[in-house]
N, C-alpha and C. Protein backbone atom coordinates (compact mmCIF):
# COMPACT_ATOMS: atom_id res chain seq x y z
N UNK A 1 -7.90 -38.89 -11.38
CA UNK A 1 -6.79 -38.29 -10.64
C UNK A 1 -5.50 -38.92 -11.12
N UNK A 2 -4.51 -38.11 -11.39
CA UNK A 2 -3.23 -38.58 -11.89
C UNK A 2 -2.30 -38.78 -10.70
N UNK A 3 -1.66 -39.93 -10.67
CA UNK A 3 -0.71 -40.24 -9.60
C UNK A 3 0.58 -39.47 -9.82
N UNK A 4 1.16 -39.00 -8.74
CA UNK A 4 2.42 -38.26 -8.83
C UNK A 4 3.56 -39.23 -9.15
N UNK A 5 4.40 -38.82 -10.03
CA UNK A 5 5.55 -39.65 -10.40
C UNK A 5 6.60 -39.57 -9.30
N UNK A 6 7.51 -40.52 -9.27
CA UNK A 6 8.59 -40.46 -8.27
C UNK A 6 9.39 -39.16 -8.37
N UNK A 7 9.56 -38.63 -9.58
CA UNK A 7 10.30 -37.37 -9.75
C UNK A 7 9.56 -36.21 -9.10
N UNK A 8 8.25 -36.17 -9.30
CA UNK A 8 7.43 -35.10 -8.71
C UNK A 8 7.48 -35.21 -7.18
N UNK A 9 7.35 -36.42 -6.67
CA UNK A 9 7.40 -36.61 -5.22
C UNK A 9 8.75 -36.19 -4.66
N UNK A 10 9.83 -36.51 -5.37
CA UNK A 10 11.17 -36.13 -4.92
C UNK A 10 11.32 -34.61 -4.91
N UNK A 11 10.79 -33.92 -5.94
CA UNK A 11 10.86 -32.45 -5.99
C UNK A 11 10.07 -31.83 -4.84
N UNK A 12 8.90 -32.37 -4.58
CA UNK A 12 8.09 -31.86 -3.46
C UNK A 12 8.82 -32.02 -2.14
N UNK A 13 9.44 -33.20 -1.96
CA UNK A 13 10.16 -33.45 -0.72
C UNK A 13 11.34 -32.49 -0.58
N UNK A 14 12.05 -32.23 -1.68
CA UNK A 14 13.19 -31.30 -1.66
C UNK A 14 12.73 -29.88 -1.35
N UNK A 15 11.61 -29.46 -1.96
CA UNK A 15 11.08 -28.12 -1.70
C UNK A 15 10.67 -27.98 -0.24
N UNK A 16 10.02 -29.00 0.30
CA UNK A 16 9.62 -28.97 1.71
C UNK A 16 10.85 -28.88 2.61
N UNK A 17 11.88 -29.64 2.28
CA UNK A 17 13.11 -29.62 3.06
C UNK A 17 13.77 -28.24 3.02
N UNK A 18 13.80 -27.62 1.84
CA UNK A 18 14.38 -26.28 1.71
C UNK A 18 13.58 -25.26 2.49
N UNK A 19 12.26 -25.38 2.44
CA UNK A 19 11.40 -24.44 3.17
C UNK A 19 11.62 -24.57 4.68
N UNK A 20 11.69 -25.78 5.17
CA UNK A 20 11.93 -26.00 6.61
C UNK A 20 13.28 -25.44 7.03
N UNK A 21 14.29 -25.62 6.19
CA UNK A 21 15.62 -25.09 6.50
C UNK A 21 15.61 -23.57 6.54
N UNK A 22 14.89 -22.93 5.61
CA UNK A 22 14.79 -21.47 5.57
C UNK A 22 14.07 -20.96 6.82
N UNK A 23 13.02 -21.64 7.21
CA UNK A 23 12.27 -21.25 8.42
C UNK A 23 13.17 -21.35 9.64
N UNK A 24 13.93 -22.42 9.75
CA UNK A 24 14.83 -22.58 10.89
C UNK A 24 15.91 -21.50 10.92
N UNK A 25 16.47 -21.14 9.75
CA UNK A 25 17.46 -20.06 9.69
C UNK A 25 16.85 -18.75 10.14
N UNK A 26 15.65 -18.45 9.63
CA UNK A 26 14.98 -17.21 10.01
C UNK A 26 14.65 -17.20 11.50
N UNK A 27 14.18 -18.31 12.01
CA UNK A 27 13.84 -18.40 13.43
C UNK A 27 15.08 -18.19 14.29
N UNK A 28 16.20 -18.77 13.89
CA UNK A 28 17.44 -18.63 14.67
C UNK A 28 17.93 -17.19 14.68
N UNK A 29 17.62 -16.42 13.64
CA UNK A 29 18.07 -15.02 13.55
C UNK A 29 17.16 -14.06 14.31
N UNK A 30 15.99 -14.51 14.70
CA UNK A 30 15.03 -13.62 15.35
C UNK A 30 15.41 -13.34 16.80
N UNK A 31 15.13 -12.11 17.22
CA UNK A 31 15.23 -11.70 18.61
C UNK A 31 13.81 -11.31 19.02
N UNK A 32 13.53 -11.40 20.29
CA UNK A 32 12.19 -11.09 20.77
C UNK A 32 12.26 -10.14 21.95
N UNK A 33 11.31 -9.22 21.97
CA UNK A 33 11.10 -8.34 23.13
C UNK A 33 9.71 -8.61 23.65
N UNK A 34 9.61 -8.69 24.93
CA UNK A 34 8.31 -8.89 25.55
C UNK A 34 8.06 -7.84 26.61
N UNK A 35 6.82 -7.45 26.74
CA UNK A 35 6.40 -6.51 27.78
C UNK A 35 5.17 -7.09 28.45
N UNK A 36 5.20 -7.15 29.75
CA UNK A 36 4.05 -7.62 30.53
C UNK A 36 3.65 -6.51 31.48
N UNK A 37 2.37 -6.23 31.52
CA UNK A 37 1.82 -5.41 32.60
C UNK A 37 0.76 -6.28 33.27
N UNK A 38 0.82 -6.33 34.58
CA UNK A 38 -0.12 -7.15 35.34
C UNK A 38 -0.52 -6.38 36.59
N UNK A 39 -1.80 -6.36 36.84
CA UNK A 39 -2.28 -5.59 37.99
C UNK A 39 -3.43 -6.34 38.65
N UNK A 40 -3.53 -6.13 39.94
CA UNK A 40 -4.56 -6.80 40.73
C UNK A 40 -5.35 -5.79 41.54
N UNK A 41 -6.60 -6.09 41.75
CA UNK A 41 -7.42 -5.45 42.76
C UNK A 41 -7.44 -6.43 43.92
N UNK A 42 -7.24 -5.96 45.12
CA UNK A 42 -7.18 -6.83 46.29
C UNK A 42 -6.12 -7.91 46.08
N UNK A 43 -4.88 -7.49 45.92
CA UNK A 43 -3.82 -8.46 45.63
C UNK A 43 -3.46 -9.28 46.86
N UNK A 44 -3.05 -10.50 46.61
CA UNK A 44 -2.44 -11.35 47.62
C UNK A 44 -0.94 -11.12 47.46
N UNK A 45 -0.40 -10.21 48.25
CA UNK A 45 0.97 -9.73 48.04
C UNK A 45 2.00 -10.85 47.95
N UNK A 46 1.89 -11.85 48.80
CA UNK A 46 2.87 -12.93 48.79
C UNK A 46 2.85 -13.68 47.44
N UNK A 47 1.68 -13.97 46.94
CA UNK A 47 1.57 -14.71 45.68
C UNK A 47 1.91 -13.83 44.47
N UNK A 48 1.58 -12.55 44.56
CA UNK A 48 1.95 -11.61 43.50
C UNK A 48 3.46 -11.48 43.44
N UNK A 49 4.10 -11.37 44.61
CA UNK A 49 5.56 -11.28 44.66
C UNK A 49 6.20 -12.56 44.12
N UNK A 50 5.57 -13.69 44.37
CA UNK A 50 6.10 -14.96 43.86
C UNK A 50 6.07 -14.98 42.34
N UNK A 51 5.00 -14.46 41.74
CA UNK A 51 4.91 -14.40 40.28
C UNK A 51 5.98 -13.48 39.72
N UNK A 52 6.12 -12.29 40.30
CA UNK A 52 7.16 -11.36 39.83
C UNK A 52 8.55 -11.96 39.99
N UNK A 53 8.79 -12.63 41.10
CA UNK A 53 10.10 -13.26 41.34
C UNK A 53 10.38 -14.33 40.28
N UNK A 54 9.38 -15.12 39.94
CA UNK A 54 9.56 -16.16 38.93
C UNK A 54 9.88 -15.55 37.57
N UNK A 55 9.20 -14.46 37.23
CA UNK A 55 9.46 -13.80 35.96
C UNK A 55 10.88 -13.21 35.94
N UNK A 56 11.28 -12.60 37.03
CA UNK A 56 12.63 -12.04 37.12
C UNK A 56 13.67 -13.16 37.02
N UNK A 57 13.40 -14.29 37.65
CA UNK A 57 14.32 -15.42 37.61
C UNK A 57 14.45 -16.00 36.20
N UNK A 58 13.48 -15.76 35.34
CA UNK A 58 13.55 -16.27 33.96
C UNK A 58 14.04 -15.20 32.98
N UNK A 59 14.49 -14.05 33.50
CA UNK A 59 15.13 -13.06 32.64
C UNK A 59 14.38 -11.76 32.45
N UNK A 60 13.19 -11.64 33.01
CA UNK A 60 12.44 -10.41 32.88
C UNK A 60 13.05 -9.34 33.78
N UNK A 61 12.98 -8.08 33.35
CA UNK A 61 13.48 -6.94 34.11
C UNK A 61 12.28 -6.20 34.68
N UNK A 62 12.32 -5.97 35.97
CA UNK A 62 11.25 -5.24 36.65
C UNK A 62 11.43 -3.76 36.37
N UNK A 63 10.49 -3.15 35.64
CA UNK A 63 10.60 -1.74 35.29
C UNK A 63 9.98 -0.83 36.34
N UNK A 64 8.81 -1.19 36.75
CA UNK A 64 8.07 -0.43 37.76
C UNK A 64 6.90 -1.29 38.20
N UNK A 65 6.11 -0.78 39.11
CA UNK A 65 4.96 -1.53 39.58
C UNK A 65 4.16 -2.04 38.39
N UNK A 66 3.98 -3.31 38.32
CA UNK A 66 3.15 -3.98 37.31
C UNK A 66 3.77 -4.11 35.93
N UNK A 67 5.00 -3.69 35.68
CA UNK A 67 5.57 -3.74 34.33
C UNK A 67 6.92 -4.45 34.32
N UNK A 68 7.05 -5.40 33.39
CA UNK A 68 8.30 -6.14 33.22
C UNK A 68 8.63 -6.23 31.74
N UNK A 69 9.93 -6.28 31.43
CA UNK A 69 10.41 -6.29 30.06
C UNK A 69 11.47 -7.37 29.90
N UNK A 70 11.53 -7.97 28.71
CA UNK A 70 12.56 -8.97 28.42
C UNK A 70 13.00 -8.87 26.97
N UNK A 71 14.25 -9.15 26.71
CA UNK A 71 14.77 -9.39 25.37
C UNK A 71 15.39 -10.77 25.42
N UNK A 72 14.81 -11.70 24.67
CA UNK A 72 15.24 -13.08 24.79
C UNK A 72 14.81 -13.87 23.57
N UNK A 73 14.91 -15.19 23.71
CA UNK A 73 14.43 -16.06 22.64
C UNK A 73 12.96 -16.40 22.89
N UNK A 74 12.30 -16.89 21.86
CA UNK A 74 10.86 -17.17 21.98
C UNK A 74 10.55 -18.26 23.00
N UNK A 75 11.30 -19.36 23.07
CA UNK A 75 10.96 -20.37 24.08
C UNK A 75 10.98 -19.83 25.51
N UNK A 76 11.91 -18.93 25.82
CA UNK A 76 11.95 -18.33 27.16
C UNK A 76 10.70 -17.52 27.43
N UNK A 77 10.28 -16.75 26.44
CA UNK A 77 9.08 -15.92 26.61
C UNK A 77 7.83 -16.81 26.74
N UNK A 78 7.75 -17.85 25.94
CA UNK A 78 6.60 -18.76 26.03
C UNK A 78 6.58 -19.48 27.37
N UNK A 79 7.74 -19.82 27.90
CA UNK A 79 7.81 -20.43 29.23
C UNK A 79 7.26 -19.47 30.29
N UNK A 80 7.54 -18.19 30.11
CA UNK A 80 7.03 -17.17 31.04
C UNK A 80 5.51 -17.10 30.99
N UNK A 81 4.93 -17.29 29.82
CA UNK A 81 3.47 -17.29 29.73
C UNK A 81 2.88 -18.47 30.52
N UNK A 82 3.60 -19.57 30.52
CA UNK A 82 3.16 -20.71 31.32
C UNK A 82 3.18 -20.35 32.81
N UNK A 83 4.23 -19.66 33.25
CA UNK A 83 4.31 -19.24 34.65
C UNK A 83 3.14 -18.33 35.00
N UNK A 84 2.83 -17.39 34.12
CA UNK A 84 1.71 -16.47 34.36
C UNK A 84 0.40 -17.26 34.43
N UNK A 85 0.22 -18.18 33.50
CA UNK A 85 -1.00 -18.98 33.46
C UNK A 85 -1.20 -19.75 34.76
N UNK A 86 -0.13 -20.31 35.29
CA UNK A 86 -0.24 -21.11 36.50
C UNK A 86 -0.40 -20.28 37.78
N UNK A 87 0.14 -19.05 37.80
CA UNK A 87 0.22 -18.29 39.05
C UNK A 87 -0.72 -17.09 39.12
N UNK A 88 -1.17 -16.55 38.00
CA UNK A 88 -1.87 -15.26 38.05
C UNK A 88 -3.16 -15.29 38.86
N UNK A 89 -3.83 -16.41 38.92
CA UNK A 89 -5.08 -16.46 39.69
C UNK A 89 -4.84 -16.43 41.19
N UNK A 90 -3.64 -16.81 41.62
CA UNK A 90 -3.33 -16.80 43.05
C UNK A 90 -2.86 -15.43 43.54
N UNK A 91 -2.62 -14.49 42.62
CA UNK A 91 -2.11 -13.18 43.00
C UNK A 91 -3.16 -12.22 43.51
N UNK A 92 -4.40 -12.60 43.43
CA UNK A 92 -5.49 -11.74 43.86
C UNK A 92 -6.56 -11.69 42.80
N UNK A 93 -7.31 -10.59 42.77
CA UNK A 93 -8.35 -10.40 41.75
C UNK A 93 -7.68 -9.70 40.57
N UNK A 94 -7.45 -10.43 39.50
CA UNK A 94 -6.76 -9.88 38.34
C UNK A 94 -7.60 -8.79 37.71
N UNK A 95 -7.03 -7.58 37.60
CA UNK A 95 -7.77 -6.48 36.99
C UNK A 95 -7.21 -6.09 35.63
N UNK A 96 -5.94 -6.44 35.36
CA UNK A 96 -5.36 -6.12 34.05
C UNK A 96 -4.18 -7.04 33.78
N UNK A 97 -4.12 -7.55 32.56
CA UNK A 97 -2.99 -8.34 32.11
C UNK A 97 -2.78 -8.06 30.63
N UNK A 98 -1.62 -7.50 30.32
CA UNK A 98 -1.27 -7.20 28.93
C UNK A 98 0.06 -7.87 28.64
N UNK A 99 0.09 -8.60 27.55
CA UNK A 99 1.32 -9.26 27.13
C UNK A 99 1.55 -8.89 25.67
N UNK A 100 2.69 -8.31 25.41
CA UNK A 100 3.05 -7.97 24.03
C UNK A 100 4.40 -8.60 23.72
N UNK A 101 4.48 -9.28 22.59
CA UNK A 101 5.73 -9.88 22.15
C UNK A 101 5.99 -9.41 20.73
N UNK A 102 7.18 -8.88 20.49
CA UNK A 102 7.56 -8.41 19.16
C UNK A 102 8.84 -9.11 18.76
N UNK A 103 8.84 -9.69 17.58
CA UNK A 103 10.03 -10.34 17.06
C UNK A 103 10.62 -9.54 15.91
N UNK A 104 11.94 -9.54 15.82
CA UNK A 104 12.62 -8.84 14.73
C UNK A 104 14.03 -9.40 14.58
N UNK A 105 14.53 -9.35 13.37
CA UNK A 105 15.93 -9.72 13.16
C UNK A 105 16.85 -8.58 13.60
N UNK A 106 16.31 -7.36 13.62
CA UNK A 106 17.14 -6.20 13.94
C UNK A 106 16.27 -5.13 14.57
N UNK A 107 16.41 -4.90 15.86
CA UNK A 107 15.59 -3.90 16.54
C UNK A 107 16.06 -2.48 16.28
N UNK A 108 17.10 -2.31 15.49
CA UNK A 108 17.49 -0.96 15.09
C UNK A 108 16.46 -0.38 14.12
N UNK A 109 15.66 -1.24 13.55
CA UNK A 109 14.58 -0.79 12.67
C UNK A 109 14.99 -0.80 11.21
N UNK A 110 14.00 -0.60 10.38
CA UNK A 110 14.21 -0.53 8.94
C UNK A 110 13.67 0.80 8.44
N UNK A 111 14.10 1.19 7.29
CA UNK A 111 13.66 2.45 6.71
C UNK A 111 12.20 2.35 6.26
N UNK A 112 11.43 3.37 6.57
CA UNK A 112 10.03 3.44 6.13
C UNK A 112 9.97 4.38 4.95
N UNK A 113 9.68 3.82 3.76
CA UNK A 113 9.71 4.62 2.53
C UNK A 113 8.75 5.80 2.54
N UNK A 114 7.62 5.65 3.19
CA UNK A 114 6.63 6.72 3.21
C UNK A 114 7.08 7.95 3.97
N UNK A 115 8.09 7.83 4.83
CA UNK A 115 8.55 8.97 5.63
C UNK A 115 9.10 10.09 4.75
N UNK A 116 9.74 9.75 3.64
CA UNK A 116 10.31 10.80 2.80
C UNK A 116 9.23 11.59 2.06
N UNK A 117 8.03 11.08 1.98
CA UNK A 117 6.92 11.81 1.36
C UNK A 117 6.39 12.93 2.26
N UNK A 118 6.77 12.90 3.53
CA UNK A 118 6.24 13.87 4.51
C UNK A 118 7.38 14.42 5.37
N UNK A 119 8.26 15.24 4.81
CA UNK A 119 9.42 15.73 5.57
C UNK A 119 9.04 16.65 6.73
N UNK A 120 7.85 17.23 6.68
CA UNK A 120 7.42 18.16 7.75
C UNK A 120 6.19 17.61 8.48
N UNK A 121 6.12 16.31 8.65
CA UNK A 121 4.94 15.68 9.22
C UNK A 121 4.60 16.19 10.61
N UNK A 122 5.61 16.31 11.48
CA UNK A 122 5.34 16.76 12.86
C UNK A 122 4.75 18.16 12.84
N UNK A 123 5.37 19.09 12.11
CA UNK A 123 4.87 20.46 12.02
C UNK A 123 3.46 20.49 11.45
N UNK A 124 3.22 19.74 10.37
CA UNK A 124 1.91 19.73 9.73
C UNK A 124 0.82 19.21 10.67
N UNK A 125 1.13 18.15 11.40
CA UNK A 125 0.13 17.57 12.30
C UNK A 125 -0.14 18.49 13.47
N UNK A 126 0.90 19.14 14.02
CA UNK A 126 0.70 20.02 15.17
C UNK A 126 -0.07 21.28 14.83
N UNK A 127 -0.20 21.62 13.55
CA UNK A 127 -0.98 22.79 13.18
C UNK A 127 -2.47 22.47 13.08
N UNK A 128 -2.82 21.20 13.08
CA UNK A 128 -4.24 20.81 13.00
C UNK A 128 -4.93 21.09 14.33
N UNK A 129 -6.19 21.46 14.28
CA UNK A 129 -6.93 21.66 15.55
C UNK A 129 -7.25 20.31 16.18
N UNK A 130 -7.34 20.33 17.50
CA UNK A 130 -7.75 19.11 18.20
C UNK A 130 -9.24 18.88 17.92
N UNK A 131 -9.66 17.63 17.79
CA UNK A 131 -11.09 17.36 17.60
C UNK A 131 -11.87 17.76 18.84
N UNK A 132 -13.06 18.25 18.63
CA UNK A 132 -13.92 18.63 19.75
C UNK A 132 -14.81 17.45 20.11
N UNK A 133 -14.85 17.09 21.37
CA UNK A 133 -15.71 15.96 21.76
C UNK A 133 -17.18 16.32 21.66
N UNK A 134 -17.98 15.34 21.33
CA UNK A 134 -19.43 15.54 21.34
C UNK A 134 -19.92 15.31 22.76
N UNK A 135 -20.51 16.31 23.32
CA UNK A 135 -20.98 16.20 24.71
C UNK A 135 -22.46 15.85 24.74
N UNK A 136 -22.77 14.94 25.66
CA UNK A 136 -24.10 14.50 25.97
C UNK A 136 -25.05 14.58 24.90
């Protein structure tokens, strides 16, 4: 095994430093959207309300029964997961919990190159017959 020279070690350290700096820049530019749906069978209303109140207090927007949305930074969203972890069992018999987090530098979206290959995609798809289910 050949020992790394001081020059090689210095280059590795510089590359690592550059990579960490790039990651931090990218992380700082990211925005996050989160969606939570949570539902209970036989809910304990007081404890369920406490969970929803805690999520709202941390920036989540109550959309409708069982659904909340947030646009924030990742640490805020991860903190919310901690709140759910600590409280969800006290809200009743948990029947559904969905958590989706999407990160992007720009939620306006980016161009999808494949779209120009199918200028009439909606029309073409709507002319297809619906699949017939196989019964019993």
